[in-house]
Amino acid sequence: MADEFGQQLIALLPNLRRFAISICRSRDIADDLVQTTCEKALANRGSYQPGTRMDAWLFRILRNSWIDRTRRQKTEGPTTDIDDAHFLVGQDGAAVTEARLMLDETARCIAALPDDQREVLILVSVEGLSYKEAAEVLELPMGTVMSRLARARKKIMGEMGIDGVTTRSEDRKGLSK
């Protein structure tokens, strides 16, 4: 069961909300002020003098919280609600869209690979396993891993229309033949 202080606080919530709305003219901010007031009142309940008007004490806490909030806003400068900030884009939309399309196309090409080629490609190119490690995982000769990986890469490049010289993974990883 709530103690007398808590019961009085709960009974005064509608009064606090009305007062908060009257000083800030925003229901959302008023709700925040009431919550802040309740938190401060509960944290400082020892400073409340029984026998005095609790509503006056709470109204003072609420008003001081409002003053603190407005002072803080003045020093912070102007703010924009994130929902209203759709015009503040941090990235080039066209580049992001192109990258997503390329990623989707790559994922589609990988998914279309035969299982044996896809397994090798994922283990070596995504998971970072060496050819030897991938061969151990798949219980295959290392040469089979290398040929399946080469076929997988060639097929993906063909599907995506990528032309050019490919470098061998073992050269990039410091492995020699």
C-alpha atoms as a PDB file:
ATOM      1  CA  MET A   1       0.000   0.000   0.000  1.00  0.00           C
ATOM      2  CA  ALA A   2       1.280   3.453  -0.916  1.00  0.00           C
ATOM      3  CA  ASP A   3       2.224   5.749   1.947  1.00  0.00           C
ATOM      4  CA  GLU A   4       0.472   9.064   2.614  1.00  0.00           C
ATOM      5  CA  PHE A   5       3.068  11.060   0.652  1.00  0.00           C
ATOM      6  CA  GLY A   6       2.570   8.898  -2.443  1.00  0.00           C
ATOM      7  CA  GLN A   7      -1.208   9.066  -2.165  1.00  0.00           C
ATOM      8  CA  GLN A   8      -1.136  12.863  -1.941  1.00  0.00           C
ATOM      9  CA  LEU A   9       1.228  13.043  -4.898  1.00  0.00           C
ATOM     10  CA  ILE A  10      -1.057  10.850  -7.016  1.00  0.00           C
ATOM     11  CA  ALA A  11      -4.109  12.892  -6.027  1.00  0.00           C
ATOM     12  CA  LEU A  12      -2.372  16.103  -7.177  1.00  0.00           C
ATOM     13  CA  LEU A  13      -1.323  14.810 -10.635  1.00  0.00           C
ATOM     14  CA  PRO A  14      -4.303  16.391 -12.493  1.00  0.00           C
ATOM     15  CA  ASN A  15      -3.581  19.748 -10.825  1.00  0.00           C
ATOM     16  CA  LEU A  16       0.100  19.499 -11.743  1.00  0.00           C
ATOM     17  CA  ARG A  17      -0.750  18.688 -15.355  1.00  0.00           C
ATOM     18  CA  ARG A  18      -3.168  21.619 -15.637  1.00  0.00           C
ATOM     19  CA  PHE A  19      -0.550  23.986 -14.233  1.00  0.00           C
ATOM     20  CA  ALA A  20       2.141  22.580 -16.522  1.00  0.00           C
ATOM     21  CA  ILE A  21      -0.050  22.994 -19.617  1.00  0.00           C
ATOM     22  CA  SER A  22      -0.848  26.565 -18.590  1.00  0.00           C
ATOM     23  CA  ILE A  23       2.828  27.569 -18.381  1.00  0.00           C
ATOM     24  CA  CYS A  24       4.258  25.703 -21.359  1.00  0.00           C
ATOM     25  CA  ARG A  25       1.203  25.426 -23.673  1.00  0.00           C
ATOM     26  CA  SER A  26       2.201  21.966 -24.870  1.00  0.00           C
ATOM     27  CA  ARG A  27       0.679  18.728 -23.626  1.00  0.00           C
ATOM     28  CA  ASP A  28       3.825  16.717 -24.410  1.00  0.00           C
ATOM     29  CA  ILE A  29       6.119  19.115 -22.586  1.00  0.00           C
ATOM     30  CA  ALA A  30       3.595  19.357 -19.748  1.00  0.00           C
ATOM     31  CA  ASP A  31       3.672  15.593 -19.318  1.00  0.00           C
ATOM     32  CA  ASP A  32       7.476  15.718 -19.204  1.00  0.00           C
ATOM     33  CA  LEU A  33       7.350  18.475 -16.590  1.00  0.00           C
ATOM     34  CA  VAL A  34       4.914  16.526 -14.427  1.00  0.00           C
ATOM     35  CA  GLN A  35       7.138  13.477 -14.623  1.00  0.00           C
ATOM     36  CA  THR A  36      10.204  15.516 -13.715  1.00  0.00           C
ATOM     37  CA  THR A  37       8.297  17.080 -10.841  1.00  0.00           C
ATOM     38  CA  CYS A  38       7.268  13.675  -9.493  1.00  0.00           C
ATOM     39  CA  GLU A  39      10.833  12.377  -9.765  1.00  0.00           C
ATOM     40  CA  LYS A  40      12.229  15.392  -7.923  1.00  0.00           C
ATOM     41  CA  ALA A  41       9.499  15.253  -5.277  1.00  0.00           C
ATOM     42  CA  LEU A  42      10.149  11.579  -4.604  1.00  0.00           C
ATOM     43  CA  ALA A  43      13.903  12.097  -4.522  1.00  0.00           C
ATOM     44  CA  ASN A  44      13.541  15.037  -2.103  1.00  0.00           C
ATOM     45  CA  ARG A  45      10.582  13.896  -0.067  1.00  0.00           C
ATOM     46  CA  GLY A  46      12.579  14.466   3.107  1.00  0.00           C
ATOM     47  CA  SER A  47      12.583  18.221   2.449  1.00  0.00           C
ATOM     48  CA  TYR A  48       8.784  18.331   2.359  1.00  0.00           C
ATOM     49  CA  GLN A  49       7.379  19.648   5.635  1.00  0.00           C
ATOM     50  CA  PRO A  50       4.286  17.662   6.672  1.00  0.00           C
ATOM     51  CA  GLY A  51       1.438  19.975   7.585  1.00  0.00           C
ATOM     52  CA  THR A  52       2.274  22.429   4.803  1.00  0.00           C
ATOM     53  CA  ARG A  53       0.527  22.571   1.448  1.00  0.00           C
ATOM     54  CA  MET A  54       1.949  19.827  -0.709  1.00  0.00           C
ATOM     55  CA  ASP A  55       0.412  21.290  -3.869  1.00  0.00           C
ATOM     56  CA  ALA A  56       2.282  24.578  -3.398  1.00  0.00           C
ATOM     57  CA  TRP A  57       5.562  22.663  -2.882  1.00  0.00           C
ATOM     58  CA  LEU A  58       4.957  20.599  -6.038  1.00  0.00           C
ATOM     59  CA  PHE A  59       3.937  23.665  -8.072  1.00  0.00           C
ATOM     60  CA  ARG A  60       7.204  25.331  -7.071  1.00  0.00           C
ATOM     61  CA  ILE A  61       9.190  22.241  -8.162  1.00  0.00           C
ATOM     62  CA  LEU A  62       7.296  22.194 -11.479  1.00  0.00           C
ATOM     63  CA  ARG A  63       7.818  25.910 -12.102  1.00  0.00           C
ATOM     64  CA  ASN A  64      11.521  25.667 -11.310  1.00  0.00           C
ATOM     65  CA  SER A  65      11.814  22.675 -13.659  1.00  0.00           C
ATOM     66  CA  TRP A  66      10.146  24.752 -16.384  1.00  0.00           C
ATOM     67  CA  ILE A  67      12.561  27.624 -15.798  1.00  0.00           C
ATOM     68  CA  ASP A  68      15.529  25.240 -15.875  1.00  0.00           C
ATOM     69  CA  ARG A  69      14.229  23.741 -19.119  1.00  0.00           C
ATOM     70  CA  THR A  70      13.805  27.110 -20.854  1.00  0.00           C
ATOM     71  CA  ARG A  71      17.243  28.273 -19.716  1.00  0.00           C
ATOM     72  CA  ARG A  72      18.797  25.049 -20.980  1.00  0.00           C
ATOM     73  CA  GLN A  73      17.053  25.460 -24.340  1.00  0.00           C
ATOM     74  CA  LYS A  74      18.403  28.971 -24.701  1.00  0.00           C
ATOM     75  CA  THR A  75      21.977  27.805 -24.144  1.00  0.00           C
ATOM     76  CA  GLU A  76      21.552  24.734 -26.387  1.00  0.00           C
ATOM     77  CA  GLY A  77      20.346  26.787 -29.312  1.00  0.00           C
ATOM     78  CA  PRO A  78      17.634  25.850 -31.752  1.00  0.00           C
ATOM     79  CA  THR A  79      16.612  22.208 -32.030  1.00  0.00           C
ATOM     80  CA  THR A  80      14.613  20.347 -34.631  1.00  0.00           C
ATOM     81  CA  ASP A  81      12.384  17.377 -33.983  1.00  0.00           C
ATOM     82  CA  ILE A  82      13.825  14.358 -35.756  1.00  0.00           C
ATOM     83  CA  ASP A  83      10.478  13.662 -37.414  1.00  0.00           C
ATOM     84  CA  ASP A  84      10.583  17.125 -38.966  1.00  0.00           C
ATOM     85  CA  ALA A  85      14.214  16.796 -40.098  1.00  0.00           C
ATOM     86  CA  HIS A  86      13.657  14.712 -43.230  1.00  0.00           C
ATOM     87  CA  PHE A  87      15.472  17.426 -45.180  1.00  0.00           C
ATOM     88  CA  LEU A  88      18.669  16.823 -43.173  1.00  0.00           C
ATOM     89  CA  VAL A  89      20.031  13.883 -45.069  1.00  0.00           C
ATOM     90  CA  GLY A  90      23.482  12.724 -44.044  1.00  0.00           C
ATOM     91  CA  GLN A  91      24.198  10.704 -47.160  1.00  0.00           C
ATOM     92  CA  ASP A  92      23.763  11.058 -50.876  1.00  0.00           C
ATOM     93  CA  GLY A  93      20.455   9.339 -51.554  1.00  0.00           C
ATOM     94  CA  ALA A  94      21.431   8.299 -55.081  1.00  0.00           C
ATOM     95  CA  ALA A  95      24.673   6.707 -53.885  1.00  0.00           C
ATOM     96  CA  VAL A  96      22.902   4.865 -51.083  1.00  0.00           C
ATOM     97  CA  THR A  97      20.247   3.597 -53.482  1.00  0.00           C
ATOM     98  CA  GLU A  98      22.866   2.483 -55.994  1.00  0.00           C
ATOM     99  CA  ALA A  99      24.839   0.693 -53.279  1.00  0.00           C
ATOM    100  CA  ARG A 100      21.711  -1.084 -52.045  1.00  0.00           C
ATOM    101  CA  LEU A 101      20.796  -2.160 -55.558  1.00  0.00           C
ATOM    102  CA  MET A 102      24.329  -3.462 -56.133  1.00  0.00           C
ATOM    103  CA  LEU A 103      24.223  -5.328 -52.824  1.00  0.00           C
ATOM    104  CA  ASP A 104      20.825  -6.836 -53.674  1.00  0.00           C
ATOM    105  CA  GLU A 105      22.102  -7.912 -57.099  1.00  0.00           C
ATOM    106  CA  THR A 106      25.212  -9.445 -55.546  1.00  0.00           C
ATOM    107  CA  ALA A 107      23.125 -11.329 -52.987  1.00  0.00           C
ATOM    108  CA  ARG A 108      20.865 -12.603 -55.771  1.00  0.00           C
ATOM    109  CA  CYS A 109      23.881 -13.801 -57.769  1.00  0.00           C
ATOM    110  CA  ILE A 110      25.362 -15.547 -54.725  1.00  0.00           C
ATOM    111  CA  ALA A 111      22.040 -17.219 -53.966  1.00  0.00           C
ATOM    112  CA  ALA A 112      21.858 -18.487 -57.560  1.00  0.00           C
ATOM    113  CA  LEU A 113      25.246 -20.233 -57.325  1.00  0.00           C
ATOM    114  CA  PRO A 114      25.336 -24.005 -56.983  1.00  0.00           C
ATOM    115  CA  ASP A 115      25.571 -25.052 -53.316  1.00  0.00           C
ATOM    116  CA  ASP A 116      29.170 -26.247 -53.557  1.00  0.00           C
ATOM    117  CA  GLN A 117      30.385 -22.958 -55.068  1.00  0.00           C
ATOM    118  CA  ARG A 118      28.307 -20.821 -52.693  1.00  0.00           C
ATOM    119  CA  GLU A 119      29.711 -22.624 -49.628  1.00  0.00           C
ATOM    120  CA  VAL A 120      33.294 -22.040 -50.721  1.00  0.00           C
ATOM    121  CA  LEU A 121      32.635 -18.409 -51.651  1.00  0.00           C
ATOM    122  CA  ILE A 122      31.039 -17.635 -48.294  1.00  0.00           C
ATOM    123  CA  LEU A 123      33.738 -19.386 -46.272  1.00  0.00           C
ATOM    124  CA  VAL A 124      36.636 -17.703 -48.080  1.00  0.00           C
ATOM    125  CA  SER A 125      35.283 -14.318 -49.167  1.00  0.00           C
ATOM    126  CA  VAL A 126      32.834 -13.537 -46.374  1.00  0.00           C
ATOM    127  CA  GLU A 127      34.060 -15.481 -43.361  1.00  0.00           C
ATOM    128  CA  GLY A 128      37.725 -14.894 -44.178  1.00  0.00           C
ATOM    129  CA  LEU A 129      38.898 -18.504 -43.991  1.00  0.00           C
ATOM    130  CA  SER A 130      42.042 -19.425 -45.872  1.00  0.00           C
ATOM    131  CA  TYR A 131      41.799 -21.977 -48.674  1.00  0.00           C
ATOM    132  CA  LYS A 132      43.317 -24.559 -46.381  1.00  0.00           C
ATOM    133  CA  GLU A 133      40.824 -23.829 -43.594  1.00  0.00           C
ATOM    134  CA  ALA A 134      37.888 -23.917 -45.999  1.00  0.00           C
ATOM    135  CA  ALA A 135      39.163 -27.234 -47.401  1.00  0.00           C
ATOM    136  CA  GLU A 136      39.266 -28.662 -43.858  1.00  0.00           C
ATOM    137  CA  VAL A 137      35.749 -27.430 -43.060  1.00  0.00           C
ATOM    138  CA  LEU A 138      34.331 -28.877 -46.279  1.00  0.00           C
ATOM    139  CA  GLU A 139      36.561 -31.967 -46.176  1.00  0.00           C
ATOM    140  CA  LEU A 140      37.804 -31.296 -49.704  1.00  0.00           C
ATOM    141  CA  PRO A 141      41.224 -31.017 -51.327  1.00  0.00           C
ATOM    142  CA  MET A 142      42.525 -27.451 -51.394  1.00  0.00           C
ATOM    143  CA  GLY A 143      42.638 -27.512 -55.198  1.00  0.00           C
ATOM    144  CA  THR A 144      38.911 -28.263 -55.327  1.00  0.00           C
ATOM    145  CA  VAL A 145      38.224 -25.308 -53.032  1.00  0.00           C
ATOM    146  CA  MET A 146      40.304 -23.053 -55.275  1.00  0.00           C
ATOM    147  CA  SER A 147      38.614 -24.166 -58.491  1.00  0.00           C
ATOM    148  CA  ARG A 148      35.091 -23.856 -57.010  1.00  0.00           C
ATOM    149  CA  LEU A 149      35.915 -20.383 -55.735  1.00  0.00           C
ATOM    150  CA  ALA A 150      37.272 -19.333 -59.124  1.00  0.00           C
ATOM    151  CA  ARG A 151      34.139 -20.625 -60.877  1.00  0.00           C
ATOM    152  CA  ALA A 152      31.895 -18.853 -58.345  1.00  0.00           C
ATOM    153  CA  ARG A 153      33.695 -15.539 -58.780  1.00  0.00           C
ATOM    154  CA  LYS A 154      33.668 -15.833 -62.569  1.00  0.00           C
ATOM    155  CA  LYS A 155      29.943 -16.598 -62.605  1.00  0.00           C
ATOM    156  CA  ILE A 156      29.120 -13.643 -60.322  1.00  0.00           C
ATOM    157  CA  MET A 157      31.245 -11.262 -62.369  1.00  0.00           C
ATOM    158  CA  GLY A 158      29.550 -12.447 -65.547  1.00  0.00           C
ATOM    159  CA  GLU A 159      26.074 -12.074 -64.076  1.00  0.00           C
ATOM    160  CA  MET A 160      26.836  -8.571 -62.833  1.00  0.00           C
ATOM    161  CA  GLY A 161      28.572  -7.485 -66.031  1.00  0.00           C
ATOM    162  CA  ILE A 162      31.923  -6.894 -64.374  1.00  0.00           C
ATOM    163  CA  ASP A 163      34.879  -7.096 -66.716  1.00  0.00           C
ATOM    164  CA  GLY A 164      38.448  -6.819 -65.644  1.00  0.00           C
ATOM    165  CA  VAL A 165      41.445  -8.542 -64.293  1.00  0.00           C
ATOM    166  CA  THR A 166      40.866 -10.492 -61.147  1.00  0.00           C
ATOM    167  CA  THR A 167      43.510 -10.988 -58.526  1.00  0.00           C
ATOM    168  CA  ARG A 168      43.997 -14.259 -56.793  1.00  0.00           C
ATOM    169  CA  SER A 169      42.911 -14.411 -53.170  1.00  0.00           C
ATOM    170  CA  GLU A 170      46.030 -16.227 -52.103  1.00  0.00           C
ATOM    171  CA  ASP A 171      48.176 -13.377 -53.479  1.00  0.00           C
ATOM    172  CA  ARG A 172      46.177 -10.828 -51.476  1.00  0.00           C
ATOM    173  CA  LYS A 173      46.434 -12.892 -48.335  1.00  0.00           C
ATOM    174  CA  GLY A 174      50.164 -13.381 -48.669  1.00  0.00           C
ATOM    175  CA  LEU A 175      49.873 -17.034 -49.610  1.00  0.00           C
ATOM    176  CA  SER A 176      51.953 -18.396 -52.401  1.00  0.00           C
ATOM    177  CA  LYS A 177      51.332 -21.376 -54.615  1.00  0.00           C
END
